[in-house]
N, C-alpha and C. Protein backbone atom coordinates (compact mmCIF):
# COMPACT_ATOMS: atom_id res chain seq x y z
N MET A 1 -48.84 38.83 -32.08
CA MET A 1 -48.29 37.43 -31.02
C MET A 1 -49.22 36.41 -31.16
N ALA A 2 -49.47 35.09 -31.25
CA ALA A 2 -50.17 34.05 -30.41
C ALA A 2 -49.68 33.76 -29.20
N GLN A 3 -50.35 33.70 -28.26
CA GLN A 3 -50.19 33.06 -26.78
C GLN A 3 -49.74 31.92 -27.03
N VAL A 4 -48.87 31.33 -26.70
CA VAL A 4 -48.34 30.11 -26.47
C VAL A 4 -48.63 29.05 -25.47
N ASN A 5 -48.70 27.41 -25.40
CA ASN A 5 -49.37 26.82 -24.47
C ASN A 5 -48.36 26.30 -24.53
N ILE A 6 -47.90 26.15 -23.05
CA ILE A 6 -46.81 24.91 -23.02
C ILE A 6 -47.28 23.66 -22.88
N TRP A 7 -48.43 23.57 -22.45
CA TRP A 7 -49.23 21.96 -22.33
C TRP A 7 -49.16 21.63 -23.36
N THR A 8 -49.67 22.12 -24.68
CA THR A 8 -50.36 21.57 -25.64
C THR A 8 -48.81 21.38 -26.67
N GLU A 9 -47.50 22.33 -25.94
CA GLU A 9 -46.62 22.20 -27.23
C GLU A 9 -45.64 21.10 -26.70
N LEU A 10 -45.53 20.91 -25.16
CA LEU A 10 -44.68 19.91 -24.76
C LEU A 10 -45.89 18.29 -25.47
N TRP A 11 -47.13 18.32 -25.06
CA TRP A 11 -48.04 17.14 -26.01
C TRP A 11 -47.63 16.86 -27.39
N ASP A 12 -47.74 17.92 -28.19
CA ASP A 12 -47.26 17.60 -29.57
C ASP A 12 -45.30 17.11 -29.55
N TYR A 13 -45.21 17.69 -29.06
CA TYR A 13 -43.49 17.05 -28.65
C TYR A 13 -43.12 15.62 -28.41
N MET A 14 -44.06 15.42 -27.49
CA MET A 14 -44.15 13.80 -26.93
C MET A 14 -44.95 13.11 -27.95
N LYS A 15 -45.96 13.23 -28.60
CA LYS A 15 -46.85 12.97 -29.80
C LYS A 15 -45.83 12.35 -31.00
N VAL A 16 -44.94 13.68 -31.39
CA VAL A 16 -44.51 13.77 -32.87
C VAL A 16 -43.39 12.81 -32.65
N ARG A 17 -42.24 13.06 -31.59
CA ARG A 17 -40.97 12.49 -31.29
C ARG A 17 -40.89 11.18 -30.75
N LYS A 18 -42.23 10.74 -30.03
CA LYS A 18 -42.04 9.62 -29.72
C LYS A 18 -41.70 9.09 -28.26
N LYS A 19 -41.75 10.75 -27.34
CA LYS A 19 -40.79 10.83 -26.26
C LYS A 19 -41.91 10.48 -24.75
N TRP A 20 -42.57 9.36 -25.18
CA TRP A 20 -43.40 9.02 -24.09
C TRP A 20 -42.59 8.83 -22.68
N TRP A 21 -41.58 8.76 -22.87
CA TRP A 21 -40.89 8.35 -21.20
C TRP A 21 -40.77 9.66 -20.52
N LEU A 22 -41.22 10.80 -21.21
CA LEU A 22 -41.18 12.37 -20.50
C LEU A 22 -42.12 12.40 -19.71
N ALA A 23 -43.29 11.45 -20.06
CA ALA A 23 -44.71 12.04 -19.35
C ALA A 23 -44.55 11.77 -17.76
N PRO A 24 -43.94 10.66 -17.29
CA PRO A 24 -43.95 10.09 -15.99
C PRO A 24 -43.08 11.72 -15.04
N ILE A 25 -41.92 12.27 -15.83
CA ILE A 25 -41.14 13.10 -15.59
C ILE A 25 -42.14 14.28 -14.75
N PHE A 26 -42.69 14.77 -15.95
CA PHE A 26 -43.32 16.03 -15.66
C PHE A 26 -44.41 15.97 -14.71
N VAL A 27 -45.24 14.79 -15.07
CA VAL A 27 -46.27 14.80 -13.79
C VAL A 27 -45.60 14.56 -12.75
N PHE A 28 -44.18 13.96 -12.24
CA PHE A 28 -43.68 14.06 -10.72
C PHE A 28 -43.30 15.47 -10.71
N LEU A 29 -42.69 16.51 -11.32
CA LEU A 29 -42.58 17.43 -11.21
C LEU A 29 -43.32 18.73 -11.05
N PHE A 30 -44.52 18.20 -11.76
CA PHE A 30 -45.78 19.00 -11.28
C PHE A 30 -46.32 18.56 -9.96
N ILE A 31 -46.38 17.56 -9.57
CA ILE A 31 -46.51 17.04 -8.30
C ILE A 31 -45.72 17.77 -6.80
N LEU A 32 -44.34 17.62 -7.54
CA LEU A 32 -43.43 17.73 -6.10
C LEU A 32 -43.81 19.50 -6.33
N ALA A 33 -44.05 20.14 -7.53
CA ALA A 33 -44.19 21.55 -7.38
C ALA A 33 -45.24 22.04 -6.46
N ALA A 34 -46.34 21.35 -6.71
CA ALA A 34 -47.67 21.48 -6.15
C ALA A 34 -47.74 21.43 -4.45
N ILE A 35 -46.72 20.33 -4.45
CA ILE A 35 -46.49 20.52 -2.82
C ILE A 35 -46.13 21.17 -2.11
N ALA A 36 -44.89 21.77 -2.83
CA ALA A 36 -43.85 22.73 -2.20
C ALA A 36 -45.03 24.11 -2.32
N VAL A 37 -45.74 24.07 -3.19
CA VAL A 37 -46.65 25.55 -3.09
C VAL A 37 -47.71 25.68 -2.39
N PHE A 38 -48.38 24.70 -2.02
CA PHE A 38 -49.51 24.07 -0.69
C PHE A 38 -48.94 24.15 0.38
N ALA A 39 -47.78 23.46 0.18
CA ALA A 39 -47.11 23.37 2.18
C ALA A 39 -46.29 24.60 2.61
N GLU A 40 -46.12 25.31 1.67
CA GLU A 40 -45.64 27.01 2.14
C GLU A 40 -45.91 27.13 3.55
N GLY A 41 -47.04 27.36 3.49
CA GLY A 41 -47.41 28.29 4.69
C GLY A 41 -47.68 27.30 5.90
N SER A 42 -47.48 26.21 5.78
CA SER A 42 -48.46 25.35 6.93
C SER A 42 -47.41 24.68 7.60
N ALA A 43 -47.35 23.82 8.53
CA ALA A 43 -46.33 23.34 9.66
C ALA A 43 -45.68 22.03 8.66
N LEU A 44 -46.07 21.60 7.70
CA LEU A 44 -44.90 20.71 6.89
C LEU A 44 -43.96 21.39 6.19
N ALA A 45 -44.11 22.77 6.38
CA ALA A 45 -42.80 23.26 5.54
C ALA A 45 -41.56 23.14 5.68
N PRO A 46 -40.88 22.97 7.06
CA PRO A 46 -39.58 22.33 7.38
C PRO A 46 -39.38 20.92 6.78
N PHE A 47 -40.65 20.16 6.84
CA PHE A 47 -40.23 18.73 6.31
C PHE A 47 -39.94 18.75 4.79
N ILE A 48 -40.86 19.89 4.33
CA ILE A 48 -40.60 19.42 2.91
C ILE A 48 -39.70 20.22 2.21
N TYR A 49 -38.70 21.21 3.19
CA TYR A 49 -37.73 21.85 2.74
C TYR A 49 -36.46 20.88 2.98
N THR A 50 -36.72 20.09 3.76
CA THR A 50 -35.66 18.77 4.39
C THR A 50 -35.10 18.16 3.07
N ILE A 51 -36.22 17.88 1.97
CA ILE A 51 -35.97 17.35 0.98
C ILE A 51 -35.09 17.93 -0.14
N PHE A 52 -35.06 19.26 -0.09
CA PHE A 52 -34.19 19.76 -1.25
C PHE A 52 -33.05 20.20 -0.55
């Protein structure tokens, strides 16, 4: 079974189906997830978790 790359599948989906409005949503979710992961062990954690 070939390894599936989620990013290429998402890109192909947006390209073929003309769903370009999904790109900012994915970028925002990726940035939000990165902030949550990197701020987990820092003093910012209580402020980040109040958002959720």
